[in-house]
Amino acid sequence: MMDSRSNSEVGHAKNVANFEQLRLRCIGFGMPYNPSRPELQIDSLQNKLMEARMCLDVVIEKNTAESNATNHRRILFEKLPFLTTRIVNAFAICGVHAEKLADAKGIQRKIQGRRAGKKEDAETTTPEVTLLEAETETPEANGNGKKSKSRSSSQQSFDLKIEHVARMISLLQSEPKYMPNEQELQVASLQMLLQEMRSANTAAMQASMEAEAARRHRKLVMYHKETGLVAIAKQVKMYVKSVFGATSQEYKEVRRFSFRVIR
């Protein structure tokens, strides 16, 4: 079964395909098809068709880039829970003070999205983190109006995890006894990971912004109430009806091409 976005993409493409068929029928009518409105003339229909096709292609390109960037970020951040567990274990065995170890465990819980236990320091769980955990459980495409809130909360969650990793690195740097032999646990390696996480997060945000811009432009080209492809198609059909008549073969040919506005 296709998801909502896949169904929408099919709908956009169907509108464009039907518009091309409509244009070809109008060409076939010959000289009798001679609207006074420039936007209904054959050349204008061709320009609108090319513009719409370009919009669809750009959206596909930007959607793919967005998917790739967000997948890369997700895979990168999925490593954090296991990695922070190893870091805290390495920190514990190097003989640090109990207070520093408690700080490290508090940061670990925030990175992993866990709450402090009843017997643990309540300060290690903040209302901000608890709120984010609840909001990110909302599916992005659940159709109940929470999509933008969920996406925003999810982005904040990535930002917070980056901040928590930076705090963990700072804590490790402050402890001279923390000198693990495992390269991936060493401060220098963690600093490189932090930079990679920041770059991946920025790239994902940029890709999402560009994809949303492409979808907004497609909406304008396809569904503007006066100049959009669907509006023009309906006006062409009305013109054919007025010129050839409601019972004419010409109108029957164009009437069967359906167009719908996709929100």
C-alpha atoms as a PDB file:
ATOM      1  CA  MET A   1       0.000   0.000   0.000  1.00  0.00           C
ATOM      2  CA  MET A   2       1.312   3.467  -0.931  1.00  0.00           C
ATOM      3  CA  ASP A   3       1.754   6.085   1.754  1.00  0.00           C
ATOM      4  CA  SER A   4       0.026   9.462   1.526  1.00  0.00           C
ATOM      5  CA  ARG A   5       2.998  11.131  -0.151  1.00  0.00           C
ATOM      6  CA  SER A   6       3.245   8.412  -2.818  1.00  0.00           C
ATOM      7  CA  ASN A   7      -0.460   8.772  -3.598  1.00  0.00           C
ATOM      8  CA  SER A   8      -0.058  12.530  -3.857  1.00  0.00           C
ATOM      9  CA  GLU A   9       2.898  12.207  -6.227  1.00  0.00           C
ATOM     10  CA  VAL A  10       0.807   9.934  -8.471  1.00  0.00           C
ATOM     11  CA  GLY A  11      -2.002  12.500  -8.384  1.00  0.00           C
ATOM     12  CA  HIS A  12       0.290  15.358  -9.423  1.00  0.00           C
ATOM     13  CA  ALA A  13       1.693  13.290 -12.288  1.00  0.00           C
ATOM     14  CA  LYS A  14      -1.822  12.307 -13.385  1.00  0.00           C
ATOM     15  CA  ASN A  15      -2.851  15.950 -13.581  1.00  0.00           C
ATOM     16  CA  VAL A  16       0.153  16.711 -15.784  1.00  0.00           C
ATOM     17  CA  ALA A  17      -0.471  13.690 -18.019  1.00  0.00           C
ATOM     18  CA  ASN A  18      -4.123  14.658 -18.473  1.00  0.00           C
ATOM     19  CA  PHE A  19      -3.105  18.233 -19.235  1.00  0.00           C
ATOM     20  CA  GLU A  20      -0.852  16.989 -22.020  1.00  0.00           C
ATOM     21  CA  GLN A  21      -3.709  14.933 -23.450  1.00  0.00           C
ATOM     22  CA  LEU A  22      -5.971  17.978 -23.255  1.00  0.00           C
ATOM     23  CA  ARG A  23      -3.425  20.123 -25.083  1.00  0.00           C
ATOM     24  CA  LEU A  24      -3.069  17.529 -27.851  1.00  0.00           C
ATOM     25  CA  ARG A  25      -6.839  17.419 -28.314  1.00  0.00           C
ATOM     26  CA  CYS A  26      -6.921  21.204 -28.635  1.00  0.00           C
ATOM     27  CA  ILE A  27      -4.201  21.064 -31.295  1.00  0.00           C
ATOM     28  CA  GLY A  28      -6.256  18.473 -33.119  1.00  0.00           C
ATOM     29  CA  PHE A  29      -9.276  20.776 -33.245  1.00  0.00           C
ATOM     30  CA  GLY A  30      -7.348  23.001 -35.627  1.00  0.00           C
ATOM     31  CA  MET A  31      -8.406  26.570 -36.438  1.00  0.00           C
ATOM     32  CA  PRO A  32     -11.771  26.444 -34.596  1.00  0.00           C
ATOM     33  CA  TYR A  33      -9.810  26.323 -31.333  1.00  0.00           C
ATOM     34  CA  ASN A  34      -8.928  30.013 -31.163  1.00  0.00           C
ATOM     35  CA  PRO A  35      -9.374  31.456 -27.649  1.00  0.00           C
ATOM     36  CA  SER A  36      -8.839  35.171 -27.145  1.00  0.00           C
ATOM     37  CA  ARG A  37      -7.282  34.671 -23.728  1.00  0.00           C
ATOM     38  CA  PRO A  38      -3.498  34.229 -24.141  1.00  0.00           C
ATOM     39  CA  GLU A  39      -3.201  31.689 -21.327  1.00  0.00           C
ATOM     40  CA  LEU A  40      -5.601  29.327 -23.140  1.00  0.00           C
ATOM     41  CA  GLN A  41      -3.751  29.429 -26.438  1.00  0.00           C
ATOM     42  CA  ILE A  42      -1.719  26.447 -27.609  1.00  0.00           C
ATOM     43  CA  ASP A  43       1.699  27.989 -26.999  1.00  0.00           C
ATOM     44  CA  SER A  44       0.735  28.992 -23.467  1.00  0.00           C
ATOM     45  CA  LEU A  45      -0.562  25.490 -22.776  1.00  0.00           C
ATOM     46  CA  GLN A  46       2.788  24.086 -23.894  1.00  0.00           C
ATOM     47  CA  ASN A  47       4.657  26.492 -21.619  1.00  0.00           C
ATOM     48  CA  LYS A  48       2.459  25.572 -18.666  1.00  0.00           C
ATOM     49  CA  LEU A  49       3.018  21.877 -19.380  1.00  0.00           C
ATOM     50  CA  MET A  50       6.801  22.303 -19.454  1.00  0.00           C
ATOM     51  CA  GLU A  51       6.736  24.374 -16.260  1.00  0.00           C
ATOM     52  CA  ALA A  52       4.666  21.739 -14.470  1.00  0.00           C
ATOM     53  CA  ARG A  53       6.928  18.913 -15.608  1.00  0.00           C
ATOM     54  CA  MET A  54       9.967  20.800 -14.367  1.00  0.00           C
ATOM     55  CA  CYS A  55       8.273  21.318 -10.992  1.00  0.00           C
ATOM     56  CA  LEU A  56       7.593  17.606 -10.640  1.00  0.00           C
ATOM     57  CA  ASP A  57      11.193  16.768 -11.530  1.00  0.00           C
ATOM     58  CA  VAL A  58      12.594  19.267  -9.030  1.00  0.00           C
ATOM     59  CA  VAL A  59      10.348  17.965  -6.251  1.00  0.00           C
ATOM     60  CA  ILE A  60      11.471  14.396  -6.938  1.00  0.00           C
ATOM     61  CA  GLU A  61      15.115  15.502  -6.843  1.00  0.00           C
ATOM     62  CA  LYS A  62      14.688  17.496  -3.624  1.00  0.00           C
ATOM     63  CA  ASN A  63      12.631  14.773  -1.932  1.00  0.00           C
ATOM     64  CA  THR A  64      15.373  12.265  -2.695  1.00  0.00           C
ATOM     65  CA  ALA A  65      18.045  14.594  -1.328  1.00  0.00           C
ATOM     66  CA  GLU A  66      15.957  15.185   1.801  1.00  0.00           C
ATOM     67  CA  SER A  67      15.479  11.453   2.328  1.00  0.00           C
ATOM     68  CA  ASN A  68      19.181  10.748   1.869  1.00  0.00           C
ATOM     69  CA  ALA A  69      20.240  13.528   4.238  1.00  0.00           C
ATOM     70  CA  THR A  70      17.768  12.635   6.979  1.00  0.00           C
ATOM     71  CA  ASN A  71      18.605   8.936   6.689  1.00  0.00           C
ATOM     72  CA  HIS A  72      22.314   9.701   7.030  1.00  0.00           C
ATOM     73  CA  ARG A  73      21.624  11.792  10.122  1.00  0.00           C
ATOM     74  CA  ARG A  74      19.398   9.124  11.632  1.00  0.00           C
ATOM     75  CA  ILE A  75      21.990   6.392  11.113  1.00  0.00           C
ATOM     76  CA  LEU A  76      24.692   8.592  12.631  1.00  0.00           C
ATOM     77  CA  PHE A  77      22.633   9.473  15.700  1.00  0.00           C
ATOM     78  CA  GLU A  78      21.511   5.860  16.212  1.00  0.00           C
ATOM     79  CA  LYS A  79      25.069   5.084  17.342  1.00  0.00           C
ATOM     80  CA  LEU A  80      24.829   7.406  20.330  1.00  0.00           C
ATOM     81  CA  PRO A  81      23.038   5.221  22.934  1.00  0.00           C
ATOM     82  CA  PHE A  82      25.530   2.355  22.695  1.00  0.00           C
ATOM     83  CA  LEU A  83      28.501   4.721  22.373  1.00  0.00           C
ATOM     84  CA  THR A  84      27.550   6.781  25.426  1.00  0.00           C
ATOM     85  CA  THR A  85      27.139   3.612  27.464  1.00  0.00           C
ATOM     86  CA  ARG A  86      30.708   2.644  26.575  1.00  0.00           C
ATOM     87  CA  ILE A  87      31.918   6.156  27.375  1.00  0.00           C
ATOM     88  CA  VAL A  88      30.319   6.191  30.809  1.00  0.00           C
ATOM     89  CA  ASN A  89      31.658   2.724  31.597  1.00  0.00           C
ATOM     90  CA  ALA A  90      35.165   3.828  30.585  1.00  0.00           C
ATOM     91  CA  PHE A  91      34.734   6.994  32.635  1.00  0.00           C
ATOM     92  CA  ALA A  92      33.645   4.971  35.686  1.00  0.00           C
ATOM     93  CA  ILE A  93      36.638   2.642  35.689  1.00  0.00           C
ATOM     94  CA  CYS A  94      39.223   5.419  35.469  1.00  0.00           C
ATOM     95  CA  GLY A  95      38.615   6.373  39.078  1.00  0.00           C
ATOM     96  CA  VAL A  96      36.701   9.638  38.817  1.00  0.00           C
ATOM     97  CA  HIS A  97      34.845  11.220  41.717  1.00  0.00           C
ATOM     98  CA  ALA A  98      31.264  10.083  42.288  1.00  0.00           C
ATOM     99  CA  GLU A  99      29.949  13.573  41.459  1.00  0.00           C
ATOM    100  CA  LYS A 100      31.562  13.586  38.026  1.00  0.00           C
ATOM    101  CA  LEU A 101      30.324  10.084  37.319  1.00  0.00           C
ATOM    102  CA  ALA A 102      26.809  11.180  38.290  1.00  0.00           C
ATOM    103  CA  ASP A 103      27.110  14.093  35.844  1.00  0.00           C
ATOM    104  CA  ALA A 104      28.198  11.726  33.084  1.00  0.00           C
ATOM    105  CA  LYS A 105      25.283   9.388  33.770  1.00  0.00           C
ATOM    106  CA  GLY A 106      22.896  12.341  33.721  1.00  0.00           C
ATOM    107  CA  ILE A 107      24.133  13.395  30.290  1.00  0.00           C
ATOM    108  CA  GLN A 108      23.937   9.772  29.150  1.00  0.00           C
ATOM    109  CA  ARG A 109      20.265   9.586  30.116  1.00  0.00           C
ATOM    110  CA  LYS A 110      19.501  12.754  28.175  1.00  0.00           C
ATOM    111  CA  ILE A 111      21.275  11.471  25.071  1.00  0.00           C
ATOM    112  CA  GLN A 112      19.418   8.179  25.323  1.00  0.00           C
ATOM    113  CA  GLY A 113      16.085   9.828  26.100  1.00  0.00           C
ATOM    114  CA  ARG A 114      15.676   8.101  29.459  1.00  0.00           C
ATOM    115  CA  ARG A 115      14.338   9.514  32.659  1.00  0.00           C
ATOM    116  CA  ALA A 116      16.167   9.385  35.953  1.00  0.00           C
ATOM    117  CA  GLY A 117      15.120   6.664  38.380  1.00  0.00           C
ATOM    118  CA  LYS A 118      13.245   7.553  41.557  1.00  0.00           C
ATOM    119  CA  LYS A 119      16.420   7.250  43.637  1.00  0.00           C
ATOM    120  CA  GLU A 120      18.553   9.243  41.220  1.00  0.00           C
ATOM    121  CA  ASP A 121      19.098  12.943  41.171  1.00  0.00           C
ATOM    122  CA  ALA A 122      15.909  14.542  39.838  1.00  0.00           C
ATOM    123  CA  GLU A 123      17.954  17.376  38.289  1.00  0.00           C
ATOM    124  CA  THR A 124      19.245  15.018  35.607  1.00  0.00           C
ATOM    125  CA  THR A 125      15.827  15.000  33.933  1.00  0.00           C
ATOM    126  CA  THR A 126      14.609  18.378  32.761  1.00  0.00           C
ATOM    127  CA  PRO A 127      11.016  19.311  31.770  1.00  0.00           C
ATOM    128  CA  GLU A 128      12.352  20.272  28.325  1.00  0.00           C
ATOM    129  CA  VAL A 129      13.651  16.780  27.603  1.00  0.00           C
ATOM    130  CA  THR A 130      10.499  15.132  28.939  1.00  0.00           C
ATOM    131  CA  LEU A 131       8.370  17.319  26.680  1.00  0.00           C
ATOM    132  CA  LEU A 132      10.462  16.497  23.643  1.00  0.00           C
ATOM    133  CA  GLU A 133      10.183  12.792  24.300  1.00  0.00           C
ATOM    134  CA  ALA A 134       6.398  13.025  24.369  1.00  0.00           C
ATOM    135  CA  GLU A 135       6.173  15.154  21.244  1.00  0.00           C
ATOM    136  CA  THR A 136       8.502  13.081  19.109  1.00  0.00           C
ATOM    137  CA  GLU A 137       6.255  10.070  19.587  1.00  0.00           C
ATOM    138  CA  THR A 138       3.710  11.754  17.305  1.00  0.00           C
ATOM    139  CA  PRO A 139       3.944  10.379  13.720  1.00  0.00           C
ATOM    140  CA  GLU A 140       4.751  13.054  11.182  1.00  0.00           C
ATOM    141  CA  ALA A 141       2.025  12.028   8.755  1.00  0.00           C
ATOM    142  CA  ASN A 142      -0.744  11.012  11.130  1.00  0.00           C
ATOM    143  CA  GLY A 143      -3.187  13.403   9.534  1.00  0.00           C
ATOM    144  CA  ASN A 144      -4.300  15.030  12.782  1.00  0.00           C
ATOM    145  CA  GLY A 145      -2.623  18.405  12.331  1.00  0.00           C
ATOM    146  CA  LYS A 146       0.456  17.609  14.418  1.00  0.00           C
ATOM    147  CA  LYS A 147       2.889  17.114  11.569  1.00  0.00           C
ATOM    148  CA  SER A 148       4.698  20.448  11.842  1.00  0.00           C
ATOM    149  CA  LYS A 149       4.830  20.239  15.641  1.00  0.00           C
ATOM    150  CA  SER A 150       6.280  16.751  15.475  1.00  0.00           C
ATOM    151  CA  ARG A 151       8.855  17.743  12.874  1.00  0.00           C
ATOM    152  CA  SER A 152       9.850  20.792  14.900  1.00  0.00           C
ATOM    153  CA  SER A 153      10.126  18.743  18.084  1.00  0.00           C
ATOM    154  CA  SER A 154      12.153  16.111  16.282  1.00  0.00           C
ATOM    155  CA  GLN A 155      14.584  18.759  15.047  1.00  0.00           C
ATOM    156  CA  GLN A 156      14.934  20.152  18.548  1.00  0.00           C
ATOM    157  CA  SER A 157      15.688  16.645  19.743  1.00  0.00           C
ATOM    158  CA  PHE A 158      18.617  16.390  17.317  1.00  0.00           C
ATOM    159  CA  ASP A 159      19.852  19.815  18.412  1.00  0.00           C
ATOM    160  CA  LEU A 160      19.662  18.798  22.053  1.00  0.00           C
ATOM    161  CA  LYS A 161      21.522  15.560  21.485  1.00  0.00           C
ATOM    162  CA  ILE A 162      24.329  17.492  19.841  1.00  0.00           C
ATOM    163  CA  GLU A 163      24.405  19.821  22.838  1.00  0.00           C
ATOM    164  CA  HIS A 164      24.476  16.860  25.241  1.00  0.00           C
ATOM    165  CA  VAL A 165      27.344  15.224  23.336  1.00  0.00           C
ATOM    166  CA  ALA A 166      29.277  18.494  23.512  1.00  0.00           C
ATOM    167  CA  ARG A 167      28.680  18.587  27.284  1.00  0.00           C
ATOM    168  CA  MET A 168      29.870  14.996  27.609  1.00  0.00           C
ATOM    169  CA  ILE A 169      33.073  15.799  25.725  1.00  0.00           C
ATOM    170  CA  SER A 170      33.671  18.835  27.905  1.00  0.00           C
ATOM    171  CA  LEU A 171      33.230  16.700  31.009  1.00  0.00           C
ATOM    172  CA  LEU A 172      35.671  14.096  29.712  1.00  0.00           C
ATOM    173  CA  GLN A 173      38.213  16.792  28.880  1.00  0.00           C
ATOM    174  CA  SER A 174      38.035  18.079  32.445  1.00  0.00           C
ATOM    175  CA  GLU A 175      39.142  14.722  33.856  1.00  0.00           C
ATOM    176  CA  PRO A 176      42.891  13.974  33.434  1.00  0.00           C
ATOM    177  CA  LYS A 177      42.322  10.343  34.418  1.00  0.00           C
ATOM    178  CA  TYR A 178      40.122   9.698  31.372  1.00  0.00           C
ATOM    179  CA  MET A 179      42.602   8.183  28.906  1.00  0.00           C
ATOM    180  CA  PRO A 180      40.975   5.131  27.242  1.00  0.00           C
ATOM    181  CA  ASN A 181      43.003   3.010  24.846  1.00  0.00           C
ATOM    182  CA  GLU A 182      40.001   2.494  22.553  1.00  0.00           C
ATOM    183  CA  GLN A 183      40.332   5.081  19.803  1.00  0.00           C
ATOM    184  CA  GLU A 184      36.583   5.585  19.321  1.00  0.00           C
ATOM    185  CA  LEU A 185      36.251   6.542  23.006  1.00  0.00           C
ATOM    186  CA  GLN A 186      39.068   9.061  23.015  1.00  0.00           C
ATOM    187  CA  VAL A 187      38.248  12.748  23.207  1.00  0.00           C
ATOM    188  CA  ALA A 188      39.751  13.549  19.803  1.00  0.00           C
ATOM    189  CA  SER A 189      37.569  10.916  18.119  1.00  0.00           C
ATOM    190  CA  LEU A 190      34.485  12.143  19.938  1.00  0.00           C
ATOM    191  CA  GLN A 191      35.212  15.696  18.835  1.00  0.00           C
ATOM    192  CA  MET A 192      35.352  14.507  15.242  1.00  0.00           C
ATOM    193  CA  LEU A 193      32.039  12.688  15.735  1.00  0.00           C
ATOM    194  CA  LEU A 194      30.511  15.851  17.153  1.00  0.00           C
ATOM    195  CA  GLN A 195      31.533  17.826  14.083  1.00  0.00           C
ATOM    196  CA  GLU A 196      30.143  15.100  11.822  1.00  0.00           C
ATOM    197  CA  MET A 197      26.858  15.180  13.730  1.00  0.00           C
ATOM    198  CA  ARG A 198      26.628  18.948  13.386  1.00  0.00           C
ATOM    199  CA  SER A 199      27.348  18.759   9.658  1.00  0.00           C
ATOM    200  CA  ALA A 200      24.789  15.969   9.159  1.00  0.00           C
ATOM    201  CA  ASN A 201      22.174  17.910  11.095  1.00  0.00           C
ATOM    202  CA  THR A 202      22.786  21.070   9.080  1.00  0.00           C
ATOM    203  CA  ALA A 203      22.659  19.130   5.810  1.00  0.00           C
ATOM    204  CA  ALA A 204      19.366  17.481   6.800  1.00  0.00           C
ATOM    205  CA  MET A 205      17.812  20.814   7.739  1.00  0.00           C
ATOM    206  CA  GLN A 206      18.991  22.389   4.477  1.00  0.00           C
ATOM    207  CA  ALA A 207      17.666  19.485   2.413  1.00  0.00           C
ATOM    208  CA  SER A 208      14.295  19.644   4.168  1.00  0.00           C
ATOM    209  CA  MET A 209      14.073  23.385   3.592  1.00  0.00           C
ATOM    210  CA  GLU A 210      14.826  22.983  -0.114  1.00  0.00           C
ATOM    211  CA  ALA A 211      12.321  20.139  -0.470  1.00  0.00           C
ATOM    212  CA  GLU A 212       9.598  22.187   1.197  1.00  0.00           C
ATOM    213  CA  ALA A 213      10.389  25.149  -1.075  1.00  0.00           C
ATOM    214  CA  ALA A 214      10.119  22.909  -4.135  1.00  0.00           C
ATOM    215  CA  ARG A 215       6.749  21.576  -2.968  1.00  0.00           C
ATOM    216  CA  ARG A 216       5.475  25.114  -2.363  1.00  0.00           C
ATOM    217  CA  HIS A 217       6.496  26.131  -5.883  1.00  0.00           C
ATOM    218  CA  ARG A 218       4.793  23.041  -7.328  1.00  0.00           C
ATOM    219  CA  LYS A 219       1.608  23.994  -5.490  1.00  0.00           C
ATOM    220  CA  LEU A 220       1.767  27.472  -7.016  1.00  0.00           C
ATOM    221  CA  VAL A 221       2.341  26.209 -10.551  1.00  0.00           C
ATOM    222  CA  MET A 222      -0.184  23.411 -10.363  1.00  0.00           C
ATOM    223  CA  TYR A 223      -2.949  24.714  -8.118  1.00  0.00           C
ATOM    224  CA  HIS A 224      -3.068  28.489  -8.082  1.00  0.00           C
ATOM    225  CA  LYS A 225      -6.758  29.310  -8.316  1.00  0.00           C
ATOM    226  CA  GLU A 226      -6.295  31.477 -11.415  1.00  0.00           C
ATOM    227  CA  THR A 227      -3.013  30.606 -13.133  1.00  0.00           C
ATOM    228  CA  GLY A 228      -2.412  27.027 -11.975  1.00  0.00           C
ATOM    229  CA  LEU A 229      -2.402  24.065 -14.337  1.00  0.00           C
ATOM    230  CA  VAL A 230      -5.675  22.693 -12.983  1.00  0.00           C
ATOM    231  CA  ALA A 231      -7.424  26.071 -13.238  1.00  0.00           C
ATOM    232  CA  ILE A 232      -6.212  26.519 -16.818  1.00  0.00           C
ATOM    233  CA  ALA A 233      -7.340  22.998 -17.742  1.00  0.00           C
ATOM    234  CA  LYS A 234     -10.858  23.657 -16.461  1.00  0.00           C
ATOM    235  CA  GLN A 235     -11.018  26.923 -18.378  1.00  0.00           C
ATOM    236  CA  VAL A 236      -9.899  25.160 -21.574  1.00  0.00           C
ATOM    237  CA  LYS A 237     -12.689  22.618 -21.164  1.00  0.00           C
ATOM    238  CA  MET A 238     -15.206  25.421 -20.647  1.00  0.00           C
ATOM    239  CA  TYR A 239     -13.961  27.155 -23.787  1.00  0.00           C
ATOM    240  CA  VAL A 240     -14.301  23.988 -25.850  1.00  0.00           C
ATOM    241  CA  LYS A 241     -17.825  23.552 -24.495  1.00  0.00           C
ATOM    242  CA  SER A 242     -18.755  27.114 -25.434  1.00  0.00           C
ATOM    243  CA  VAL A 243     -17.305  26.890 -28.952  1.00  0.00           C
ATOM    244  CA  PHE A 244     -18.388  23.391 -29.993  1.00  0.00           C
ATOM    245  CA  GLY A 245     -21.395  22.840 -27.737  1.00  0.00           C
ATOM    246  CA  ALA A 246     -22.121  20.647 -24.751  1.00  0.00           C
ATOM    247  CA  THR A 247     -23.171  17.688 -26.903  1.00  0.00           C
ATOM    248  CA  SER A 248     -20.327  17.960 -29.422  1.00  0.00           C
ATOM    249  CA  GLN A 249     -17.770  15.261 -30.015  1.00  0.00           C
ATOM    250  CA  GLU A 250     -15.037  17.782 -29.291  1.00  0.00           C
ATOM    251  CA  TYR A 251     -16.367  18.478 -25.820  1.00  0.00           C
ATOM    252  CA  LYS A 252     -16.857  14.768 -25.142  1.00  0.00           C
ATOM    253  CA  GLU A 253     -13.166  14.247 -25.929  1.00  0.00           C
ATOM    254  CA  VAL A 254     -11.935  16.824 -23.412  1.00  0.00           C
ATOM    255  CA  ARG A 255     -14.585  16.247 -20.757  1.00  0.00           C
ATOM    256  CA  ARG A 256     -13.184  12.831 -19.868  1.00  0.00           C
ATOM    257  CA  PHE A 257      -9.871  14.297 -18.688  1.00  0.00           C
ATOM    258  CA  SER A 258     -10.255  14.892 -14.959  1.00  0.00           C
ATOM    259  CA  PHE A 259      -8.209  17.294 -12.863  1.00  0.00           C
ATOM    260  CA  ARG A 260      -8.190  17.639  -9.096  1.00  0.00           C
ATOM    261  CA  VAL A 261      -6.534  19.972  -6.655  1.00  0.00           C
ATOM    262  CA  ILE A 262      -4.156  18.106  -4.325  1.00  0.00           C
ATOM    263  CA  ARG A 263      -3.578  19.831  -1.009  1.00  0.00           C
END
